C-alpha cells in the first residue's frame, strides 16, 4: 500500500519541484508517470526536461508513442499508466484515485499555493483520499524549506 504526498508550492515553480522529485524517484529505482491536464503543460515540461543540465538529465517521453512502456518517466494526460510506474505525480489538479494510491509506491500531488482554485482542489483531494483510507502527508515550503505539516493514516 502506497502513500500520497501533497506538495504545497509557495516559493518554487512546479517544474523545478517536479525535476527534484523526478530525480529522487529515479534514484529510488521507480518509473514515474507525470499526469497533467493539458498537452501544453506536458510539452513545456518535455522541453524543460530536455534542456536541463547534462548531469541531471532525466530520460522521458510524452504518452502516445510506440515506446511508452519503456519510458522511465512518461508525461501523460490520461488515466492509464502504460510504463508500469511505481509513482504518479499529479500536476494541474489531475485526478488520482484511492485505488492508484493503494497500487503504487507513491503518489505526489503538486499544487500552486498562489492559486486559490488549486488549493481548494488539493483540499478536496486530501479529503477524498484520506477519507478512503489512504496514508497521506502534507508538505509546505512556506518557511523556505520543505516541512511536513500534516500526516494522516499509516
C-alpha atoms as a PDB file:
ATOM      1  CA  UNK A   1       0.000   0.000   0.000  1.00  0.00           C
ATOM      2  CA  UNK A   2       1.417   3.361  -1.050  1.00  0.00           C
ATOM      3  CA  UNK A   3       1.051   6.867   0.231  1.00  0.00           C
ATOM      4  CA  UNK A   4       0.144  10.220  -1.247  1.00  0.00           C
ATOM      5  CA  UNK A   5       2.350  13.253  -0.623  1.00  0.00           C
ATOM      6  CA  UNK A   6       0.880  16.726  -1.165  1.00  0.00           C
ATOM      7  CA  UNK A   7       3.383  19.463  -2.074  1.00  0.00           C
ATOM      8  CA  UNK A   8       2.086  22.996  -1.432  1.00  0.00           C
ATOM      9  CA  UNK A   9       4.238  25.206  -3.667  1.00  0.00           C
ATOM     10  CA  UNK A  10       4.691  28.758  -2.420  1.00  0.00           C
ATOM     11  CA  UNK A  11       8.283  29.525  -3.441  1.00  0.00           C
ATOM     12  CA  UNK A  12       9.155  27.125  -6.258  1.00  0.00           C
ATOM     13  CA  UNK A  13       7.828  26.716  -9.750  1.00  0.00           C
ATOM     14  CA  UNK A  14       6.056  23.377 -10.283  1.00  0.00           C
ATOM     15  CA  UNK A  15       8.588  22.327 -12.926  1.00  0.00           C
ATOM     16  CA  UNK A  16      11.528  22.925 -10.537  1.00  0.00           C
ATOM     17  CA  UNK A  17       9.980  20.882  -7.736  1.00  0.00           C
ATOM     18  CA  UNK A  18       8.931  18.258 -10.250  1.00  0.00           C
ATOM     19  CA  UNK A  19      12.505  17.939 -11.556  1.00  0.00           C
ATOM     20  CA  UNK A  20      13.772  17.380  -7.993  1.00  0.00           C
ATOM     21  CA  UNK A  21      11.089  14.797  -7.210  1.00  0.00           C
ATOM     22  CA  UNK A  22      11.660  13.006 -10.519  1.00  0.00           C
ATOM     23  CA  UNK A  23      15.379  12.751  -9.792  1.00  0.00           C
ATOM     24  CA  UNK A  24      14.751  11.311  -6.326  1.00  0.00           C
ATOM     25  CA  UNK A  25      12.186   8.864  -7.689  1.00  0.00           C
ATOM     26  CA  UNK A  26      14.581   7.627 -10.357  1.00  0.00           C
ATOM     27  CA  UNK A  27      17.330   7.261  -7.723  1.00  0.00           C
ATOM     28  CA  UNK A  28      14.899   5.013  -5.818  1.00  0.00           C
ATOM     29  CA  UNK A  29      14.575   2.930  -8.994  1.00  0.00           C
ATOM     30  CA  UNK A  30      10.972   3.931  -9.666  1.00  0.00           C
ATOM     31  CA  UNK A  31       9.385   4.513 -13.045  1.00  0.00           C
ATOM     32  CA  UNK A  32       7.215   7.627 -12.940  1.00  0.00           C
ATOM     33  CA  UNK A  33       4.095   8.843 -14.698  1.00  0.00           C
ATOM     34  CA  UNK A  34       3.585  12.623 -14.620  1.00  0.00           C
ATOM     35  CA  UNK A  35      -0.133  13.275 -15.069  1.00  0.00           C
ATOM     36  CA  UNK A  36      -1.271  16.713 -16.148  1.00  0.00           C
ATOM     37  CA  UNK A  37      -4.466  18.107 -17.607  1.00  0.00           C
ATOM     38  CA  UNK A  38      -3.149  19.971 -20.646  1.00  0.00           C
ATOM     39  CA  UNK A  39      -0.976  18.979 -23.575  1.00  0.00           C
ATOM     40  CA  UNK A  40       0.550  22.470 -23.483  1.00  0.00           C
ATOM     41  CA  UNK A  41       1.891  21.921 -19.947  1.00  0.00           C
ATOM     42  CA  UNK A  42       3.281  18.499 -20.852  1.00  0.00           C
ATOM     43  CA  UNK A  43       5.013  19.933 -23.917  1.00  0.00           C
ATOM     44  CA  UNK A  44       6.531  22.672 -21.752  1.00  0.00           C
ATOM     45  CA  UNK A  45       7.745  20.089 -19.226  1.00  0.00           C
ATOM     46  CA  UNK A  46       9.119  17.938 -22.035  1.00  0.00           C
ATOM     47  CA  UNK A  47      11.149  20.861 -23.341  1.00  0.00           C
ATOM     48  CA  UNK A  48      12.389  21.843 -19.871  1.00  0.00           C
ATOM     49  CA  UNK A  49      13.460  18.281 -19.076  1.00  0.00           C
ATOM     50  CA  UNK A  50      15.418  18.056 -22.343  1.00  0.00           C
ATOM     51  CA  UNK A  51      17.113  21.409 -21.688  1.00  0.00           C
ATOM     52  CA  UNK A  52      18.240  20.567 -18.147  1.00  0.00           C
ATOM     53  CA  UNK A  53      21.895  20.181 -17.201  1.00  0.00           C
ATOM     54  CA  UNK A  54      23.520  17.067 -18.670  1.00  0.00           C
ATOM     55  CA  UNK A  55      24.446  15.702 -15.229  1.00  0.00           C
ATOM     56  CA  UNK A  56      20.783  15.788 -14.151  1.00  0.00           C
ATOM     57  CA  UNK A  57      19.272  14.578 -17.431  1.00  0.00           C
ATOM     58  CA  UNK A  58      16.023  12.673 -16.924  1.00  0.00           C
ATOM     59  CA  UNK A  59      15.113  10.321 -19.776  1.00  0.00           C
ATOM     60  CA  UNK A  60      11.413  10.665 -20.552  1.00  0.00           C
ATOM     61  CA  UNK A  61       8.747  10.721 -23.231  1.00  0.00           C
ATOM     62  CA  UNK A  62       5.248  12.011 -23.915  1.00  0.00           C
ATOM     63  CA  UNK A  63       2.488   9.384 -23.898  1.00  0.00           C
ATOM     64  CA  UNK A  64       1.140   8.235 -27.215  1.00  0.00           C
ATOM     65  CA  UNK A  65       4.339   6.862 -28.699  1.00  0.00           C
ATOM     66  CA  UNK A  66       5.360   3.332 -29.588  1.00  0.00           C
ATOM     67  CA  UNK A  67       7.844   3.264 -26.684  1.00  0.00           C
ATOM     68  CA  UNK A  68       5.504   4.299 -23.838  1.00  0.00           C
ATOM     69  CA  UNK A  69       6.010   1.032 -21.953  1.00  0.00           C
ATOM     70  CA  UNK A  70       9.793   1.551 -21.977  1.00  0.00           C
ATOM     71  CA  UNK A  71       9.837   5.129 -20.678  1.00  0.00           C
ATOM     72  CA  UNK A  72      11.301   5.589 -17.175  1.00  0.00           C
ATOM     73  CA  UNK A  73       9.344   8.877 -16.981  1.00  0.00           C
ATOM     74  CA  UNK A  74       6.190   9.290 -19.023  1.00  0.00           C
ATOM     75  CA  UNK A  75       4.240  12.556 -19.364  1.00  0.00           C
ATOM     76  CA  UNK A  76       0.531  11.985 -19.864  1.00  0.00           C
ATOM     77  CA  UNK A  77      -2.952  13.475 -19.597  1.00  0.00           C
ATOM     78  CA  UNK A  78      -4.658  10.082 -19.412  1.00  0.00           C
ATOM     79  CA  UNK A  79      -5.669   7.837 -16.512  1.00  0.00           C
ATOM     80  CA  UNK A  80      -3.646   4.871 -17.825  1.00  0.00           C
ATOM     81  CA  UNK A  81      -0.144   4.003 -16.587  1.00  0.00           C
ATOM     82  CA  UNK A  82       1.427   2.354 -19.666  1.00  0.00           C
ATOM     83  CA  UNK A  83       5.005   2.474 -18.330  1.00  0.00           C
ATOM     84  CA  UNK A  84       4.264   0.374 -15.203  1.00  0.00           C
ATOM     85  CA  UNK A  85       5.169   3.333 -12.984  1.00  0.00           C
ATOM     86  CA  UNK A  86       5.672   2.907  -9.248  1.00  0.00           C
ATOM     87  CA  UNK A  87       4.962   6.616  -8.749  1.00  0.00           C
ATOM     88  CA  UNK A  88       2.407   9.012 -10.225  1.00  0.00           C
ATOM     89  CA  UNK A  89       2.988  12.759  -9.975  1.00  0.00           C
ATOM     90  CA  UNK A  90      -0.128  14.874 -10.425  1.00  0.00           C
ATOM     91  CA  UNK A  91       0.133  18.453 -11.666  1.00  0.00           C
ATOM     92  CA  UNK A  92      -2.534  20.969 -12.704  1.00  0.00           C
ATOM     93  CA  UNK A  93      -5.087  19.239 -10.456  1.00  0.00           C
ATOM     94  CA  UNK A  94      -5.009  15.974 -12.417  1.00  0.00           C
ATOM     95  CA  UNK A  95      -7.084  13.327 -10.687  1.00  0.00           C
ATOM     96  CA  UNK A  96      -5.691  10.412  -8.698  1.00  0.00           C
ATOM     97  CA  UNK A  97      -7.840   7.608  -7.300  1.00  0.00           C
ATOM     98  CA  UNK A  98      -7.564   5.815  -3.954  1.00  0.00           C
ATOM     99  CA  UNK A  99      -7.050   2.565  -5.915  1.00  0.00           C
ATOM    100  CA  UNK A 100      -3.977   4.061  -7.578  1.00  0.00           C
ATOM    101  CA  UNK A 101      -2.545   5.144  -4.234  1.00  0.00           C
ATOM    102  CA  UNK A 102      -3.023   1.575  -2.960  1.00  0.00           C
ATOM    103  CA  UNK A 103      -1.293   0.049  -6.025  1.00  0.00           C
ATOM    104  CA  UNK A 104       1.648   2.426  -6.243  1.00  0.00           C
ATOM    105  CA  UNK A 105       4.685   3.084  -4.068  1.00  0.00           C
ATOM    106  CA  UNK A 106       3.970   6.805  -4.066  1.00  0.00           C
ATOM    107  CA  UNK A 107       1.652   9.446  -5.449  1.00  0.00           C
ATOM    108  CA  UNK A 108       2.775  13.086  -5.417  1.00  0.00           C
ATOM    109  CA  UNK A 109       0.298  15.920  -5.833  1.00  0.00           C
ATOM    110  CA  UNK A 110       1.909  19.281  -6.587  1.00  0.00           C
ATOM    111  CA  UNK A 111      -0.243  22.392  -6.319  1.00  0.00           C
ATOM    112  CA  UNK A 112       0.324  26.143  -6.546  1.00  0.00           C
ATOM    113  CA  UNK A 113      -0.288  27.886  -3.228  1.00  0.00           C
ATOM    114  CA  UNK A 114      -0.841  31.179  -5.064  1.00  0.00           C
ATOM    115  CA  UNK A 115      -3.846  29.787  -6.935  1.00  0.00           C
ATOM    116  CA  UNK A 116      -6.890  29.587  -4.633  1.00  0.00           C
ATOM    117  CA  UNK A 117      -8.635  27.218  -7.041  1.00  0.00           C
ATOM    118  CA  UNK A 118      -5.649  24.843  -6.941  1.00  0.00           C
ATOM    119  CA  UNK A 119      -5.559  24.993  -3.128  1.00  0.00           C
ATOM    120  CA  UNK A 120      -9.288  24.274  -2.899  1.00  0.00           C
ATOM    121  CA  UNK A 121      -8.943  21.367  -5.326  1.00  0.00           C
ATOM    122  CA  UNK A 122      -5.995  19.927  -3.351  1.00  0.00           C
ATOM    123  CA  UNK A 123      -8.024  20.147  -0.135  1.00  0.00           C
ATOM    124  CA  UNK A 124     -10.781  18.180  -1.845  1.00  0.00           C
ATOM    125  CA  UNK A 125      -8.250  15.577  -2.994  1.00  0.00           C
ATOM    126  CA  UNK A 126      -6.863  15.306   0.570  1.00  0.00           C
ATOM    127  CA  UNK A 127     -10.371  14.738   1.974  1.00  0.00           C
ATOM    128  CA  UNK A 128     -11.297  12.192  -0.700  1.00  0.00           C
ATOM    129  CA  UNK A 129      -8.062  10.199  -0.477  1.00  0.00           C
ATOM    130  CA  UNK A 130      -7.681  10.204   3.310  1.00  0.00           C
ATOM    131  CA  UNK A 131     -11.419   9.513   3.621  1.00  0.00           C
ATOM    132  CA  UNK A 132     -10.848   6.398   1.512  1.00  0.00           C
ATOM    133  CA  UNK A 133      -8.134   5.272   3.953  1.00  0.00           C
ATOM    134  CA  UNK A 134      -5.040   6.391   2.018  1.00  0.00           C
ATOM    135  CA  UNK A 135      -1.971   7.355   4.016  1.00  0.00           C
ATOM    136  CA  UNK A 136      -1.111  10.973   3.256  1.00  0.00           C
ATOM    137  CA  UNK A 137       1.450  13.627   4.075  1.00  0.00           C
ATOM    138  CA  UNK A 138       1.186  17.366   3.511  1.00  0.00           C
ATOM    139  CA  UNK A 139       4.433  19.242   2.802  1.00  0.00           C
ATOM    140  CA  UNK A 140       4.853  23.019   2.608  1.00  0.00           C
ATOM    141  CA  UNK A 141       7.813  25.154   1.561  1.00  0.00           C
ATOM    142  CA  UNK A 142       6.386  28.321   3.093  1.00  0.00           C
ATOM    143  CA  UNK A 143       9.273  28.656   5.588  1.00  0.00           C
ATOM    144  CA  UNK A 144      11.866  28.473   2.814  1.00  0.00           C
ATOM    145  CA  UNK A 145      12.497  24.745   3.134  1.00  0.00           C
ATOM    146  CA  UNK A 146      10.214  21.741   2.829  1.00  0.00           C
ATOM    147  CA  UNK A 147       8.493  20.838   6.095  1.00  0.00           C
ATOM    148  CA  UNK A 148       5.937  18.147   6.809  1.00  0.00           C
ATOM    149  CA  UNK A 149       2.884  19.946   8.197  1.00  0.00           C
ATOM    150  CA  UNK A 150       0.334  17.111   8.461  1.00  0.00           C
ATOM    151  CA  UNK A 151       0.047  13.349   8.226  1.00  0.00           C
ATOM    152  CA  UNK A 152      -2.925  11.030   8.034  1.00  0.00           C
ATOM    153  CA  UNK A 153      -3.146   7.226   8.151  1.00  0.00           C
ATOM    154  CA  UNK A 154      -0.226   4.827   8.025  1.00  0.00           C
END
